[in-house]
Amino acid sequence: MTNSLAEFNARNYWETRLSENLGLHGTGWLKLGRHYYNWMYKIRRKVLLRKIKSLCIDFNNSDVMDVGCGTGFYIDMWKELGIKSMGGMT
């Protein structure tokens, strides 16, 4: 008997999934559709920006490393905040 979790390749799964369903909706349950995920990420963005800004961080002198950056949603937010430098890896 083989263990299906041992055979699971997360990188291949997400690369295939996002190449077939490009955009934020590709990250969740596909049956909910694009409109649901557009609103969900709009709310997520608003809440997260409010929390990040409350930390009083000097973004112009800060570095960010985004591990598992997927669709780039958070990278776009960091750019908007004016982060000094940023790296990402999948």
N, C-alpha and C. Protein backbone atom coordinates (compact mmCIF):
# COMPACT_ATOMS: atom_id res chain seq x y z
N MET A 1 0.84 -1.17 0.00
CA MET A 1 0.00 0.00 0.00
C MET A 1 0.89 1.25 0.00
N THR A 2 0.59 2.19 -0.87
CA THR A 2 1.38 3.42 -0.94
C THR A 2 0.70 4.52 -0.16
N ASN A 3 1.48 5.42 0.34
CA ASN A 3 0.97 6.57 1.08
C ASN A 3 0.82 7.73 0.10
N SER A 4 -0.41 8.15 -0.18
CA SER A 4 -0.64 9.20 -1.17
C SER A 4 -0.05 10.53 -0.74
N LEU A 5 0.04 10.78 0.58
CA LEU A 5 0.66 12.03 1.04
C LEU A 5 2.15 12.04 0.74
N ALA A 6 2.79 10.88 0.84
CA ALA A 6 4.22 10.82 0.54
C ALA A 6 4.47 11.09 -0.94
N GLU A 7 3.51 10.79 -1.78
CA GLU A 7 3.66 10.99 -3.22
C GLU A 7 3.21 12.38 -3.67
N PHE A 8 2.55 13.12 -2.80
CA PHE A 8 2.02 14.43 -3.15
C PHE A 8 3.15 15.43 -3.36
N ASN A 9 3.12 16.15 -4.48
CA ASN A 9 4.12 17.17 -4.78
C ASN A 9 3.39 18.51 -4.81
N ALA A 10 3.52 19.27 -3.71
CA ALA A 10 2.80 20.54 -3.57
C ALA A 10 3.15 21.53 -4.67
N ARG A 11 4.40 21.60 -5.02
CA ARG A 11 4.82 22.55 -6.06
C ARG A 11 4.14 22.26 -7.39
N ASN A 12 4.16 21.00 -7.80
CA ASN A 12 3.49 20.62 -9.06
C ASN A 12 2.00 20.86 -8.99
N TYR A 13 1.41 20.53 -7.85
CA TYR A 13 -0.03 20.75 -7.68
C TYR A 13 -0.40 22.21 -7.91
N TRP A 14 0.29 23.12 -7.19
CA TRP A 14 -0.06 24.54 -7.30
C TRP A 14 0.31 25.14 -8.65
N GLU A 15 1.41 24.72 -9.23
CA GLU A 15 1.76 25.23 -10.56
C GLU A 15 0.70 24.83 -11.58
N THR A 16 0.24 23.59 -11.53
CA THR A 16 -0.81 23.13 -12.43
C THR A 16 -2.12 23.83 -12.13
N ARG A 17 -2.47 23.88 -10.85
CA ARG A 17 -3.75 24.50 -10.44
C ARG A 17 -3.81 25.95 -10.89
N LEU A 18 -2.76 26.74 -10.63
CA LEU A 18 -2.78 28.15 -10.98
C LEU A 18 -2.62 28.39 -12.47
N SER A 19 -1.96 27.49 -13.18
CA SER A 19 -1.86 27.66 -14.63
C SER A 19 -3.21 27.41 -15.30
N GLU A 20 -4.03 26.57 -14.69
CA GLU A 20 -5.37 26.29 -15.23
C GLU A 20 -6.42 27.26 -14.72
N ASN A 21 -6.15 27.92 -13.59
CA ASN A 21 -7.11 28.84 -12.96
C ASN A 21 -6.36 30.09 -12.51
N LEU A 22 -5.86 30.84 -13.46
CA LEU A 22 -5.04 32.00 -13.15
C LEU A 22 -5.84 33.05 -12.39
N GLY A 23 -5.29 33.51 -11.30
CA GLY A 23 -5.92 34.54 -10.50
C GLY A 23 -6.16 34.07 -9.08
N LEU A 24 -6.68 34.96 -8.27
CA LEU A 24 -6.89 34.65 -6.86
C LEU A 24 -7.89 33.53 -6.65
N HIS A 25 -8.87 33.40 -7.53
CA HIS A 25 -9.88 32.35 -7.36
C HIS A 25 -9.27 30.96 -7.47
N GLY A 26 -8.12 30.85 -8.11
CA GLY A 26 -7.46 29.56 -8.25
C GLY A 26 -6.88 29.03 -6.96
N THR A 27 -6.85 29.86 -5.92
CA THR A 27 -6.27 29.44 -4.66
C THR A 27 -7.27 28.77 -3.73
N GLY A 28 -8.53 28.86 -4.03
CA GLY A 28 -9.55 28.31 -3.14
C GLY A 28 -10.42 27.27 -3.82
N TRP A 29 -11.59 27.08 -3.25
CA TRP A 29 -12.54 26.11 -3.78
C TRP A 29 -13.14 26.70 -5.05
N LEU A 30 -12.87 26.06 -6.17
CA LEU A 30 -13.23 26.62 -7.48
C LEU A 30 -14.72 26.83 -7.67
N LYS A 31 -15.54 26.05 -6.99
CA LYS A 31 -16.99 26.17 -7.16
C LYS A 31 -17.54 27.49 -6.61
N LEU A 32 -16.78 28.17 -5.77
CA LEU A 32 -17.25 29.45 -5.25
C LEU A 32 -17.12 30.57 -6.28
N GLY A 33 -16.25 30.42 -7.25
CA GLY A 33 -16.17 31.35 -8.36
C GLY A 33 -15.32 32.58 -8.14
N ARG A 34 -15.07 33.27 -9.24
CA ARG A 34 -14.20 34.45 -9.23
C ARG A 34 -14.76 35.60 -8.40
N HIS A 35 -16.05 35.86 -8.50
CA HIS A 35 -16.63 37.01 -7.79
C HIS A 35 -16.47 36.87 -6.28
N TYR A 36 -16.67 35.67 -5.78
CA TYR A 36 -16.49 35.43 -4.35
C TYR A 36 -15.06 35.74 -3.92
N TYR A 37 -14.10 35.23 -4.65
CA TYR A 37 -12.69 35.43 -4.27
C TYR A 37 -12.24 36.87 -4.49
N ASN A 38 -12.77 37.55 -5.49
CA ASN A 38 -12.45 38.97 -5.67
C ASN A 38 -12.87 39.76 -4.43
N TRP A 39 -14.08 39.50 -3.92
CA TRP A 39 -14.54 40.19 -2.72
C TRP A 39 -13.77 39.75 -1.48
N MET A 40 -13.49 38.46 -1.38
CA MET A 40 -12.76 37.96 -0.22
C MET A 40 -11.38 38.60 -0.13
N TYR A 41 -10.68 38.68 -1.26
CA TYR A 41 -9.34 39.28 -1.24
C TYR A 41 -9.40 40.79 -1.09
N LYS A 42 -10.46 41.41 -1.53
CA LYS A 42 -10.63 42.85 -1.32
C LYS A 42 -10.74 43.14 0.19
N ILE A 43 -11.50 42.32 0.89
CA ILE A 43 -11.65 42.48 2.33
C ILE A 43 -10.35 42.13 3.04
N ARG A 44 -9.72 41.04 2.62
CA ARG A 44 -8.44 40.62 3.22
C ARG A 44 -7.41 41.73 3.09
N ARG A 45 -7.35 42.35 1.91
CA ARG A 45 -6.40 43.43 1.65
C ARG A 45 -6.65 44.61 2.59
N LYS A 46 -7.92 45.00 2.72
CA LYS A 46 -8.28 46.15 3.55
C LYS A 46 -7.90 45.91 5.01
N VAL A 47 -8.23 44.74 5.55
CA VAL A 47 -7.94 44.42 6.94
C VAL A 47 -6.43 44.32 7.16
N LEU A 48 -5.75 43.63 6.27
CA LEU A 48 -4.30 43.45 6.43
C LEU A 48 -3.56 44.78 6.33
N LEU A 49 -3.92 45.63 5.39
CA LEU A 49 -3.27 46.94 5.28
C LEU A 49 -3.48 47.76 6.55
N ARG A 50 -4.69 47.71 7.09
CA ARG A 50 -4.96 48.45 8.32
C ARG A 50 -4.07 47.94 9.46
N LYS A 51 -3.94 46.62 9.58
CA LYS A 51 -3.11 46.05 10.64
C LYS A 51 -1.63 46.35 10.44
N ILE A 52 -1.16 46.20 9.21
CA ILE A 52 0.25 46.46 8.92
C ILE A 52 0.60 47.92 9.20
N LYS A 53 -0.27 48.83 8.78
CA LYS A 53 0.00 50.26 9.00
C LYS A 53 -0.01 50.61 10.48
N SER A 54 -0.76 49.87 11.29
CA SER A 54 -0.80 50.14 12.73
C SER A 54 0.50 49.75 13.43
N LEU A 55 1.36 49.01 12.76
CA LEU A 55 2.63 48.58 13.36
C LEU A 55 3.69 49.68 13.36
N CYS A 56 3.41 50.77 12.67
CA CYS A 56 4.33 51.91 12.61
C CYS A 56 5.72 51.50 12.12
N ILE A 57 5.77 50.74 11.06
CA ILE A 57 7.03 50.29 10.46
C ILE A 57 7.45 51.28 9.39
N ASP A 58 8.74 51.58 9.34
CA ASP A 58 9.29 52.42 8.28
C ASP A 58 9.51 51.52 7.05
N PHE A 59 8.53 51.44 6.18
CA PHE A 59 8.59 50.54 5.04
C PHE A 59 9.71 50.88 4.07
N ASN A 60 10.07 52.16 3.99
CA ASN A 60 11.15 52.57 3.08
C ASN A 60 12.50 52.00 3.49
N ASN A 61 12.62 51.54 4.73
CA ASN A 61 13.87 50.96 5.22
C ASN A 61 13.69 49.50 5.64
N SER A 62 12.69 48.84 5.10
CA SER A 62 12.39 47.46 5.49
C SER A 62 12.52 46.51 4.31
N ASP A 63 12.91 45.29 4.62
CA ASP A 63 13.03 44.23 3.62
C ASP A 63 11.98 43.16 3.92
N VAL A 64 11.45 42.56 2.88
CA VAL A 64 10.44 41.50 3.04
C VAL A 64 10.84 40.31 2.20
N MET A 65 10.67 39.12 2.77
CA MET A 65 10.84 37.87 2.03
C MET A 65 9.50 37.15 2.06
N ASP A 66 8.90 36.96 0.91
CA ASP A 66 7.61 36.28 0.80
C ASP A 66 7.86 34.85 0.35
N VAL A 67 7.65 33.90 1.25
CA VAL A 67 7.88 32.48 0.94
C VAL A 67 6.54 31.87 0.53
N GLY A 68 6.52 31.26 -0.64
CA GLY A 68 5.28 30.69 -1.16
C GLY A 68 4.38 31.77 -1.72
N CYS A 69 4.93 32.65 -2.54
CA CYS A 69 4.23 33.87 -2.96
C CYS A 69 3.07 33.63 -3.92
N GLY A 70 2.93 32.45 -4.46
CA GLY A 70 1.73 32.09 -5.23
C GLY A 70 1.32 33.08 -6.29
N THR A 71 0.19 33.73 -6.10
CA THR A 71 -0.37 34.64 -7.10
C THR A 71 0.25 36.03 -7.06
N GLY A 72 1.03 36.33 -6.02
CA GLY A 72 1.65 37.64 -5.89
C GLY A 72 0.77 38.66 -5.17
N PHE A 73 -0.32 38.21 -4.59
CA PHE A 73 -1.24 39.11 -3.88
C PHE A 73 -0.52 39.95 -2.83
N TYR A 74 0.28 39.30 -1.98
CA TYR A 74 0.95 40.02 -0.90
C TYR A 74 2.13 40.83 -1.43
N ILE A 75 2.78 40.39 -2.47
CA ILE A 75 3.87 41.16 -3.07
C ILE A 75 3.35 42.50 -3.56
N ASP A 76 2.19 42.50 -4.19
CA ASP A 76 1.59 43.76 -4.66
C ASP A 76 1.29 44.69 -3.49
N MET A 77 0.86 44.14 -2.37
CA MET A 77 0.58 44.97 -1.19
C MET A 77 1.87 45.59 -0.65
N TRP A 78 2.93 44.79 -0.56
CA TRP A 78 4.20 45.33 -0.07
C TRP A 78 4.72 46.43 -0.98
N LYS A 79 4.59 46.24 -2.28
CA LYS A 79 5.01 47.29 -3.23
C LYS A 79 4.23 48.57 -2.98
N GLU A 80 2.94 48.44 -2.78
CA GLU A 80 2.09 49.60 -2.53
C GLU A 80 2.52 50.34 -1.27
N LEU A 81 2.99 49.61 -0.28
CA LEU A 81 3.43 50.22 0.98
C LEU A 81 4.81 50.86 0.85
N GLY A 82 5.49 50.64 -0.27
CA GLY A 82 6.78 51.27 -0.51
C GLY A 82 7.95 50.56 0.15
N ILE A 83 7.87 49.26 0.27
CA ILE A 83 8.91 48.47 0.92
C ILE A 83 10.26 48.70 0.21
N LYS A 84 11.34 48.76 0.96
CA LYS A 84 12.67 49.04 0.40
C LYS A 84 13.09 47.95 -0.59
N SER A 85 13.04 46.71 -0.14
CA SER A 85 13.40 45.60 -1.03
C SER A 85 12.57 44.38 -0.68
N MET A 86 12.42 43.52 -1.65
CA MET A 86 11.54 42.39 -1.47
C MET A 86 12.06 41.21 -2.27
N GLY A 87 11.88 40.04 -1.71
CA GLY A 87 12.20 38.81 -2.41
C GLY A 87 11.06 37.85 -2.27
N GLY A 88 10.96 36.95 -3.20
CA GLY A 88 9.90 35.95 -3.12
C GLY A 88 10.39 34.64 -3.68
N MET A 89 9.85 33.57 -3.13
CA MET A 89 10.18 32.26 -3.64
C MET A 89 8.95 31.36 -3.51
N THR A 90 8.83 30.49 -4.48
CA THR A 90 7.69 29.58 -4.46
C THR A 90 8.07 28.26 -3.86
